[in-house]
Structures are given as structure tokens and as C-alpha cells.
Amino acid sequence: MPDTTARLPEYDALLDTSGLYCPEPVMLMHNRVRDMAPGEVLQVVATDPATTRDVPKFCQFLGHELMEQHTTDEIYRYFIRLAG
């Protein structure tokens, strides 16, 4: 039987935006990455489906690497490595 438990990447900081809607998750992400060093990984947890569009655009615009994204039970998880 295959292992169905996904191994999530390690991260340096967690930002839980559950219950918040656009544009709040992205605004909080901007604030959080200011306090982090290049190369660190931020995990963002969200419940707003709009983040599936907004987070990749945020990463592309600022040059961050969207390492992984997962959706389970309407919870969206993003792992972002900060640009240097």
C-alpha cells in the first residue's frame, strides 16, 4: 500500500491567513517577508481560494520561488523560498 501522507517541506516561518480574504493574505505576506532573510522558506496557510491565483503572482512579481502548494479540505498551503 503506498504512503499517502505527503511530506511537507521544512520552513522557517509560518503565516496563517485562515479566514481572511483578498487582499489581506497578500498584504500580510508582504509584511512577513520583510522580516525574513533571503533563502528562508515561508509557509502560508490560507482558506481563500483566490490565493491560488494571488500567491503565484506574488512570487513571480517579487522573484520568490513557489516551491510547493497543496490543497486539502479547502485549506491551501504554500511554501515560498525568498529571493536573494
PDB file of N, CA and C in Angstrom:
ATOM      1  N   MET A   1       0.850  -1.180   0.000  1.00  0.00           N
ATOM      2  CA  MET A   1       0.000   0.000   0.000  1.00  0.00           C
ATOM      3  C   MET A   1       0.896   1.243   0.000  1.00  0.00           C
ATOM      4  N   PRO A   2       0.674   2.190  -0.909  1.00  0.00           N
ATOM      5  CA  PRO A   2       1.522   3.379  -0.974  1.00  0.00           C
ATOM      6  C   PRO A   2       1.292   4.315   0.203  1.00  0.00           C
ATOM      7  N   ASP A   3       2.339   5.043   0.542  1.00  0.00           N
ATOM      8  CA  ASP A   3       2.241   6.032   1.613  1.00  0.00           C
ATOM      9  C   ASP A   3       1.534   7.262   1.069  1.00  0.00           C
ATOM     10  N   THR A   4       0.358   7.566   1.610  1.00  0.00           N
ATOM     11  CA  THR A   4      -0.431   8.695   1.101  1.00  0.00           C
ATOM     12  C   THR A   4      -0.192   9.967   1.896  1.00  0.00           C
ATOM     13  N   THR A   5       0.637   9.920   2.918  1.00  0.00           N
ATOM     14  CA  THR A   5       0.916  11.128   3.693  1.00  0.00           C
ATOM     15  C   THR A   5       2.012  11.911   2.997  1.00  0.00           C
ATOM     16  N   ALA A   6       1.669  13.053   2.497  1.00  0.00           N
ATOM     17  CA  ALA A   6       2.637  13.894   1.793  1.00  0.00           C
ATOM     18  C   ALA A   6       3.609  14.492   2.794  1.00  0.00           C
ATOM     19  N   ARG A   7       4.872  14.452   2.455  1.00  0.00           N
ATOM     20  CA  ARG A   7       5.894  15.068   3.300  1.00  0.00           C
ATOM     21  C   ARG A   7       5.997  16.531   2.882  1.00  0.00           C
ATOM     22  N   LEU A   8       5.695  17.413   3.808  1.00  0.00           N
ATOM     23  CA  LEU A   8       5.740  18.837   3.523  1.00  0.00           C
ATOM     24  C   LEU A   8       7.160  19.353   3.708  1.00  0.00           C
ATOM     25  N   PRO A   9       7.545  20.352   2.938  1.00  0.00           N
ATOM     26  CA  PRO A   9       8.891  20.924   3.070  1.00  0.00           C
ATOM     27  C   PRO A   9       9.103  21.563   4.439  1.00  0.00           C
ATOM     28  N   GLU A  10      10.356  21.630   4.844  1.00  0.00           N
ATOM     29  CA  GLU A  10      10.682  22.352   6.071  1.00  0.00           C
ATOM     30  C   GLU A  10      10.542  23.839   5.789  1.00  0.00           C
ATOM     31  N   TYR A  11      10.254  24.610   6.831  1.00  0.00           N
ATOM     32  CA  TYR A  11      10.063  26.048   6.656  1.00  0.00           C
ATOM     33  C   TYR A  11      10.597  26.791   7.865  1.00  0.00           C
ATOM     34  N   ASP A  12      10.889  28.059   7.658  1.00  0.00           N
ATOM     35  CA  ASP A  12      11.455  28.901   8.713  1.00  0.00           C
ATOM     36  C   ASP A  12      10.396  29.722   9.436  1.00  0.00           C
ATOM     37  N   ALA A  13       9.304  30.026   8.768  1.00  0.00           N
ATOM     38  CA  ALA A  13       8.251  30.850   9.359  1.00  0.00           C
ATOM     39  C   ALA A  13       6.905  30.397   8.815  1.00  0.00           C
ATOM     40  N   LEU A  14       5.882  30.602   9.630  1.00  0.00           N
ATOM     41  CA  LEU A  14       4.517  30.228   9.273  1.00  0.00           C
ATOM     42  C   LEU A  14       3.640  31.467   9.330  1.00  0.00           C
ATOM     43  N   LEU A  15       2.848  31.663   8.279  1.00  0.00           N
ATOM     44  CA  LEU A  15       1.870  32.745   8.250  1.00  0.00           C
ATOM     45  C   LEU A  15       0.505  32.115   8.018  1.00  0.00           C
ATOM     46  N   ASP A  16      -0.362  32.190   9.018  1.00  0.00           N
ATOM     47  CA  ASP A  16      -1.705  31.614   8.918  1.00  0.00           C
ATOM     48  C   ASP A  16      -2.692  32.731   8.592  1.00  0.00           C
ATOM     49  N   THR A  17      -3.222  32.702   7.374  1.00  0.00           N
ATOM     50  CA  THR A  17      -4.186  33.719   6.948  1.00  0.00           C
ATOM     51  C   THR A  17      -5.596  33.136   6.867  1.00  0.00           C
ATOM     52  N   SER A  18      -5.821  32.036   7.555  1.00  0.00           N
ATOM     53  CA  SER A  18      -7.137  31.383   7.536  1.00  0.00           C
ATOM     54  C   SER A  18      -8.230  32.365   7.930  1.00  0.00           C
ATOM     55  N   GLY A  19      -9.324  32.349   7.161  1.00  0.00           N
ATOM     56  CA  GLY A  19     -10.454  33.210   7.451  1.00  0.00           C
ATOM     57  C   GLY A  19     -10.359  34.601   6.830  1.00  0.00           C
ATOM     58  N   LEU A  20      -9.215  34.920   6.230  1.00  0.00           N
ATOM     59  CA  LEU A  20      -9.035  36.231   5.604  1.00  0.00           C
ATOM     60  C   LEU A  20      -9.241  36.116   4.099  1.00  0.00           C
ATOM     61  N   TYR A  21      -9.690  37.205   3.499  1.00  0.00           N
ATOM     62  CA  TYR A  21      -9.971  37.222   2.068  1.00  0.00           C
ATOM     63  C   TYR A  21      -9.171  38.320   1.382  1.00  0.00           C
ATOM     64  N   CYS A  22      -9.007  38.162   0.080  1.00  0.00           N
ATOM     65  CA  CYS A  22      -8.266  39.093  -0.762  1.00  0.00           C
ATOM     66  C   CYS A  22      -8.706  40.526  -0.447  1.00  0.00           C
ATOM     67  N   PRO A  23      -7.746  41.412  -0.241  1.00  0.00           N
ATOM     68  CA  PRO A  23      -6.302  41.329  -0.452  1.00  0.00           C
ATOM     69  C   PRO A  23      -5.494  41.041   0.811  1.00  0.00           C
ATOM     70  N   GLU A  24      -6.160  40.726   1.923  1.00  0.00           N
ATOM     71  CA  GLU A  24      -5.449  40.597   3.201  1.00  0.00           C
ATOM     72  C   GLU A  24      -4.327  39.559   3.208  1.00  0.00           C
ATOM     73  N   PRO A  25      -4.526  38.336   2.667  1.00  0.00           N
ATOM     74  CA  PRO A  25      -3.411  37.377   2.706  1.00  0.00           C
ATOM     75  C   PRO A  25      -2.137  37.894   2.035  1.00  0.00           C
ATOM     76  N   VAL A  26      -2.269  38.539   0.888  1.00  0.00           N
ATOM     77  CA  VAL A  26      -1.086  39.048   0.182  1.00  0.00           C
ATOM     78  C   VAL A  26      -0.473  40.221   0.945  1.00  0.00           C
ATOM     79  N   MET A  27      -1.278  41.062   1.523  1.00  0.00           N
ATOM     80  CA  MET A  27      -0.752  42.178   2.314  1.00  0.00           C
ATOM     81  C   MET A  27       0.056  41.653   3.497  1.00  0.00           C
ATOM     82  N   LEU A  28      -0.467  40.629   4.166  1.00  0.00           N
ATOM     83  CA  LEU A  28       0.257  40.039   5.300  1.00  0.00           C
ATOM     84  C   LEU A  28       1.538  39.347   4.848  1.00  0.00           C
ATOM     85  N   MET A  29       1.504  38.736   3.653  1.00  0.00           N
ATOM     86  CA  MET A  29       2.708  38.107   3.113  1.00  0.00           C
ATOM     87  C   MET A  29       3.787  39.157   2.873  1.00  0.00           C
ATOM     88  N   HIS A  30       3.415  40.293   2.301  1.00  0.00           N
ATOM     89  CA  HIS A  30       4.380  41.374   2.081  1.00  0.00           C
ATOM     90  C   HIS A  30       5.039  41.775   3.398  1.00  0.00           C
ATOM     91  N   ASN A  31       4.238  41.937   4.430  1.00  0.00           N
ATOM     92  CA  ASN A  31       4.775  42.338   5.732  1.00  0.00           C
ATOM     93  C   ASN A  31       5.684  41.258   6.322  1.00  0.00           C
ATOM     94  N   ARG A  32       5.293  40.005   6.180  1.00  0.00           N
ATOM     95  CA  ARG A  32       6.048  38.907   6.793  1.00  0.00           C
ATOM     96  C   ARG A  32       7.406  38.705   6.126  1.00  0.00           C
ATOM     97  N   VAL A  33       7.468  38.771   4.811  1.00  0.00           N
ATOM     98  CA  VAL A  33       8.742  38.539   4.122  1.00  0.00           C
ATOM     99  C   VAL A  33       9.751  39.646   4.404  1.00  0.00           C
ATOM    100  N   ARG A  34       9.294  40.816   4.781  1.00  0.00           N
ATOM    101  CA  ARG A  34      10.213  41.905   5.140  1.00  0.00           C
ATOM    102  C   ARG A  34      11.066  41.534   6.353  1.00  0.00           C
ATOM    103  N   ASP A  35      10.530  40.698   7.226  1.00  0.00           N
ATOM    104  CA  ASP A  35      11.236  40.305   8.451  1.00  0.00           C
ATOM    105  C   ASP A  35      12.082  39.052   8.268  1.00  0.00           C
ATOM    106  N   MET A  36      12.134  38.522   7.048  1.00  0.00           N
ATOM    107  CA  MET A  36      12.848  37.267   6.796  1.00  0.00           C
ATOM    108  C   MET A  36      14.086  37.515   5.937  1.00  0.00           C
ATOM    109  N   ALA A  37      15.001  36.554   5.987  1.00  0.00           N
ATOM    110  CA  ALA A  37      16.248  36.648   5.221  1.00  0.00           C
ATOM    111  C   ALA A  37      16.107  35.926   3.885  1.00  0.00           C
ATOM    112  N   PRO A  38      16.870  36.346   2.879  1.00  0.00           N
ATOM    113  CA  PRO A  38      16.870  35.643   1.601  1.00  0.00           C
ATOM    114  C   PRO A  38      17.202  34.160   1.795  1.00  0.00           C
ATOM    115  N   GLY A  39      16.501  33.310   1.065  1.00  0.00           N
ATOM    116  CA  GLY A  39      16.718  31.870   1.156  1.00  0.00           C
ATOM    117  C   GLY A  39      15.863  31.178   2.187  1.00  0.00           C
ATOM    118  N   GLU A  40      15.281  31.926   3.113  1.00  0.00           N
ATOM    119  CA  GLU A  40      14.388  31.308   4.092  1.00  0.00           C
ATOM    120  C   GLU A  40      13.087  30.904   3.414  1.00  0.00           C
ATOM    121  N   VAL A  41      12.384  29.965   4.053  1.00  0.00           N
ATOM    122  CA  VAL A  41      11.136  29.443   3.497  1.00  0.00           C
ATOM    123  C   VAL A  41       9.971  29.854   4.393  1.00  0.00           C
ATOM    124  N   LEU A  42       8.956  30.410   3.768  1.00  0.00           N
ATOM    125  CA  LEU A  42       7.728  30.815   4.446  1.00  0.00           C
ATOM    126  C   LEU A  42       6.616  29.852   4.044  1.00  0.00           C
ATOM    127  N   GLN A  43       5.936  29.310   5.047  1.00  0.00           N
ATOM    128  CA  GLN A  43       4.728  28.533   4.769  1.00  0.00           C
ATOM    129  C   GLN A  43       3.531  29.457   4.998  1.00  0.00           C
ATOM    130  N   VAL A  44       2.670  29.535   4.002  1.00  0.00           N
ATOM    131  CA  VAL A  44       1.449  30.330   4.116  1.00  0.00           C
ATOM    132  C   VAL A  44       0.272  29.360   4.104  1.00  0.00           C
ATOM    133  N   VAL A  45      -0.613  29.512   5.079  1.00  0.00           N
ATOM    134  CA  VAL A  45      -1.835  28.718   5.166  1.00  0.00           C
ATOM    135  C   VAL A  45      -2.996  29.676   4.908  1.00  0.00           C
ATOM    136  N   ALA A  46      -3.890  29.284   4.004  1.00  0.00           N
ATOM    137  CA  ALA A  46      -4.998  30.155   3.628  1.00  0.00           C
ATOM    138  C   ALA A  46      -6.267  29.341   3.411  1.00  0.00           C
ATOM    139  N   THR A  47      -7.398  30.030   3.490  1.00  0.00           N
ATOM    140  CA  THR A  47      -8.689  29.418   3.177  1.00  0.00           C
ATOM    141  C   THR A  47      -9.365  30.107   2.000  1.00  0.00           C
ATOM    142  N   ASP A  48      -8.800  31.203   1.536  1.00  0.00           N
ATOM    143  CA  ASP A  48      -9.370  31.952   0.411  1.00  0.00           C
ATOM    144  C   ASP A  48      -8.919  31.320  -0.907  1.00  0.00           C
ATOM    145  N   PRO A  49      -9.860  30.814  -1.719  1.00  0.00           N
ATOM    146  CA  PRO A  49      -9.491  30.217  -2.999  1.00  0.00           C
ATOM    147  C   PRO A  49      -8.762  31.187  -3.938  1.00  0.00           C
ATOM    148  N   ALA A  50      -8.938  32.480  -3.749  1.00  0.00           N
ATOM    149  CA  ALA A  50      -8.254  33.465  -4.589  1.00  0.00           C
ATOM    150  C   ALA A  50      -6.740  33.400  -4.408  1.00  0.00           C
ATOM    151  N   THR A  51      -6.266  32.813  -3.311  1.00  0.00           N
ATOM    152  CA  THR A  51      -4.820  32.711  -3.111  1.00  0.00           C
ATOM    153  C   THR A  51      -4.174  31.797  -4.143  1.00  0.00           C
ATOM    154  N   THR A  52      -4.951  30.888  -4.751  1.00  0.00           N
ATOM    155  CA  THR A  52      -4.379  30.023  -5.784  1.00  0.00           C
ATOM    156  C   THR A  52      -3.935  30.844  -6.994  1.00  0.00           C
ATOM    157  N   ARG A  53      -4.492  32.004  -7.156  1.00  0.00           N
ATOM    158  CA  ARG A  53      -4.086  32.938  -8.205  1.00  0.00           C
ATOM    159  C   ARG A  53      -3.095  33.963  -7.663  1.00  0.00           C
ATOM    160  N   ASP A  54      -3.377  34.493  -6.478  1.00  0.00           N
ATOM    161  CA  ASP A  54      -2.606  35.612  -5.932  1.00  0.00           C
ATOM    162  C   ASP A  54      -1.203  35.230  -5.467  1.00  0.00           C
ATOM    163  N   VAL A  55      -1.048  34.082  -4.830  1.00  0.00           N
ATOM    164  CA  VAL A  55       0.266  33.703  -4.298  1.00  0.00           C
ATOM    165  C   VAL A  55       1.275  33.451  -5.424  1.00  0.00           C
ATOM    166  N   PRO A  56       0.931  32.678  -6.466  1.00  0.00           N
ATOM    167  CA  PRO A  56       1.896  32.523  -7.561  1.00  0.00           C
ATOM    168  C   PRO A  56       2.271  33.860  -8.217  1.00  0.00           C
ATOM    169  N   LYS A  57       1.306  34.765  -8.372  1.00  0.00           N
ATOM    170  CA  LYS A  57       1.608  36.075  -8.964  1.00  0.00           C
ATOM    171  C   LYS A  57       2.504  36.897  -8.038  1.00  0.00           C
ATOM    172  N   PHE A  58       2.265  36.818  -6.744  1.00  0.00           N
ATOM    173  CA  PHE A  58       3.109  37.487  -5.745  1.00  0.00           C
ATOM    174  C   PHE A  58       4.553  37.004  -5.885  1.00  0.00           C
ATOM    175  N   CYS A  59       4.723  35.689  -5.973  1.00  0.00           N
ATOM    176  CA  CYS A  59       6.067  35.109  -6.094  1.00  0.00           C
ATOM    177  C   CYS A  59       6.728  35.522  -7.400  1.00  0.00           C
ATOM    178  N   GLN A  60       5.997  35.441  -8.487  1.00  0.00           N
ATOM    179  CA  GLN A  60       6.551  35.795  -9.791  1.00  0.00           C
ATOM    180  C   GLN A  60       6.966  37.261  -9.819  1.00  0.00           C
ATOM    181  N   PHE A  61       6.135  38.125  -9.301  1.00  0.00           N
ATOM    182  CA  PHE A  61       6.395  39.561  -9.332  1.00  0.00           C
ATOM    183  C   PHE A  61       7.623  39.930  -8.501  1.00  0.00           C
ATOM    184  N   LEU A  62       7.789  39.276  -7.337  1.00  0.00           N
ATOM    185  CA  LEU A  62       8.886  39.622  -6.436  1.00  0.00           C
ATOM    186  C   LEU A  62      10.112  38.721  -6.582  1.00  0.00           C
ATOM    187  N   GLY A  63      10.026  37.713  -7.450  1.00  0.00           N
ATOM    188  CA  GLY A  63      11.172  36.851  -7.693  1.00  0.00           C
ATOM    189  C   GLY A  63      11.357  35.740  -6.684  1.00  0.00           C
ATOM    190  N   HIS A  64      10.356  35.488  -5.855  1.00  0.00           N
ATOM    191  CA  HIS A  64      10.426  34.390  -4.885  1.00  0.00           C
ATOM    192  C   HIS A  64      10.102  33.072  -5.589  1.00  0.00           C
ATOM    193  N   GLU A  65      10.571  31.977  -5.006  1.00  0.00           N
ATOM    194  CA  GLU A  65      10.304  30.653  -5.575  1.00  0.00           C
ATOM    195  C   GLU A  65       9.117  30.010  -4.861  1.00  0.00           C
ATOM    196  N   LEU A  66       8.068  29.718  -5.606  1.00  0.00           N
ATOM    197  CA  LEU A  66       6.952  28.956  -5.054  1.00  0.00           C
ATOM    198  C   LEU A  66       7.357  27.493  -5.154  1.00  0.00           C
ATOM    199  N   MET A  67       7.861  26.955  -4.053  1.00  0.00           N
ATOM    200  CA  MET A  67       8.412  25.603  -4.036  1.00  0.00           C
ATOM    201  C   MET A  67       7.321  24.557  -4.208  1.00  0.00           C
ATOM    202  N   GLU A  68       6.255  24.699  -3.435  1.00  0.00           N
ATOM    203  CA  GLU A  68       5.146  23.738  -3.471  1.00  0.00           C
ATOM    204  C   GLU A  68       3.869  24.427  -3.043  1.00  0.00           C
ATOM    205  N   GLN A  69       2.754  23.858  -3.500  1.00  0.00           N
ATOM    206  CA  GLN A  69       1.451  24.262  -2.978  1.00  0.00           C
ATOM    207  C   GLN A  69       0.585  23.018  -2.873  1.00  0.00           C
ATOM    208  N   HIS A  70      -0.199  22.968  -1.798  1.00  0.00           N
ATOM    209  CA  HIS A  70      -1.045  21.813  -1.510  1.00  0.00           C
ATOM    210  C   HIS A  70      -2.433  22.302  -1.128  1.00  0.00           C
ATOM    211  N   THR A  71      -3.441  21.541  -1.515  1.00  0.00           N
ATOM    212  CA  THR A  71      -4.810  21.835  -1.111  1.00  0.00           C
ATOM    213  C   THR A  71      -5.406  20.585  -0.490  1.00  0.00           C
ATOM    214  N   THR A  72      -5.888  20.728   0.736  1.00  0.00           N
ATOM    215  CA  THR A  72      -6.600  19.634   1.403  1.00  0.00           C
ATOM    216  C   THR A  72      -7.743  20.226   2.214  1.00  0.00           C
ATOM    217  N   ASP A  73      -8.925  19.682   1.994  1.00  0.00           N
ATOM    218  CA  ASP A  73     -10.111  20.103   2.752  1.00  0.00           C
ATOM    219  C   ASP A  73     -10.274  21.626   2.776  1.00  0.00           C
ATOM    220  N   GLU A  74     -10.121  22.260   1.608  1.00  0.00           N
ATOM    221  CA  GLU A  74     -10.286  23.699   1.461  1.00  0.00           C
ATOM    222  C   GLU A  74      -9.272  24.518   2.247  1.00  0.00           C
ATOM    223  N   ILE A  75      -8.151  23.901   2.581  1.00  0.00           N
ATOM    224  CA  ILE A  75      -7.013  24.599   3.187  1.00  0.00           C
ATOM    225  C   ILE A  75      -5.908  24.625   2.136  1.00  0.00           C
ATOM    226  N   TYR A  76      -5.393  25.797   1.876  1.00  0.00           N
ATOM    227  CA  TYR A  76      -4.348  25.984   0.872  1.00  0.00           C
ATOM    228  C   TYR A  76      -3.031  26.248   1.585  1.00  0.00           C
ATOM    229  N   ARG A  77      -1.997  25.486   1.232  1.00  0.00           N
ATOM    230  CA  ARG A  77      -0.661  25.660   1.826  1.00  0.00           C
ATOM    231  C   ARG A  77       0.324  25.978   0.717  1.00  0.00           C
ATOM    232  N   TYR A  78       1.138  26.993   0.983  1.00  0.00           N
ATOM    233  CA  TYR A  78       2.149  27.422   0.021  1.00  0.00           C
ATOM    234  C   TYR A  78       3.498  27.462   0.734  1.00  0.00           C
ATOM    235  N   PHE A  79       4.532  27.017   0.043  1.00  0.00           N
ATOM    236  CA  PHE A  79       5.887  27.050   0.564  1.00  0.00           C
ATOM    237  C   PHE A  79       6.709  27.923  -0.375  1.00  0.00           C
ATOM    238  N   ILE A  80       7.178  29.033   0.151  1.00  0.00           N
ATOM    239  CA  ILE A  80       7.828  30.078  -0.656  1.00  0.00           C
ATOM    240  C   ILE A  80       9.254  30.287  -0.157  1.00  0.00           C
ATOM    241  N   ARG A  81      10.233  30.092  -1.071  1.00  0.00           N
ATOM    242  CA  ARG A  81      11.626  30.410  -0.746  1.00  0.00           C
ATOM    243  C   ARG A  81      11.899  31.841  -1.191  1.00  0.00           C
ATOM    244  N   LEU A  82      12.360  32.667  -0.244  1.00  0.00           N
ATOM    245  CA  LEU A  82      12.565  34.088  -0.516  1.00  0.00           C
ATOM    246  C   LEU A  82      13.763  34.312  -1.425  1.00  0.00           C
ATOM    247  N   ALA A  83      13.573  35.243  -2.332  1.00  0.00           N
ATOM    248  CA  ALA A  83      14.642  35.607  -3.277  1.00  0.00           C
ATOM    249  C   ALA A  83      15.788  36.280  -2.541  1.00  0.00           C
ATOM    250  N   GLY A  84      16.961  36.148  -3.125  1.00  0.00           N
ATOM    251  CA  GLY A  84      18.167  36.713  -2.507  1.00  0.00           C
ATOM    252  C   GLY A  84      18.521  38.061  -2.947  1.00  0.00           C
TER     253      GLY A  84
END
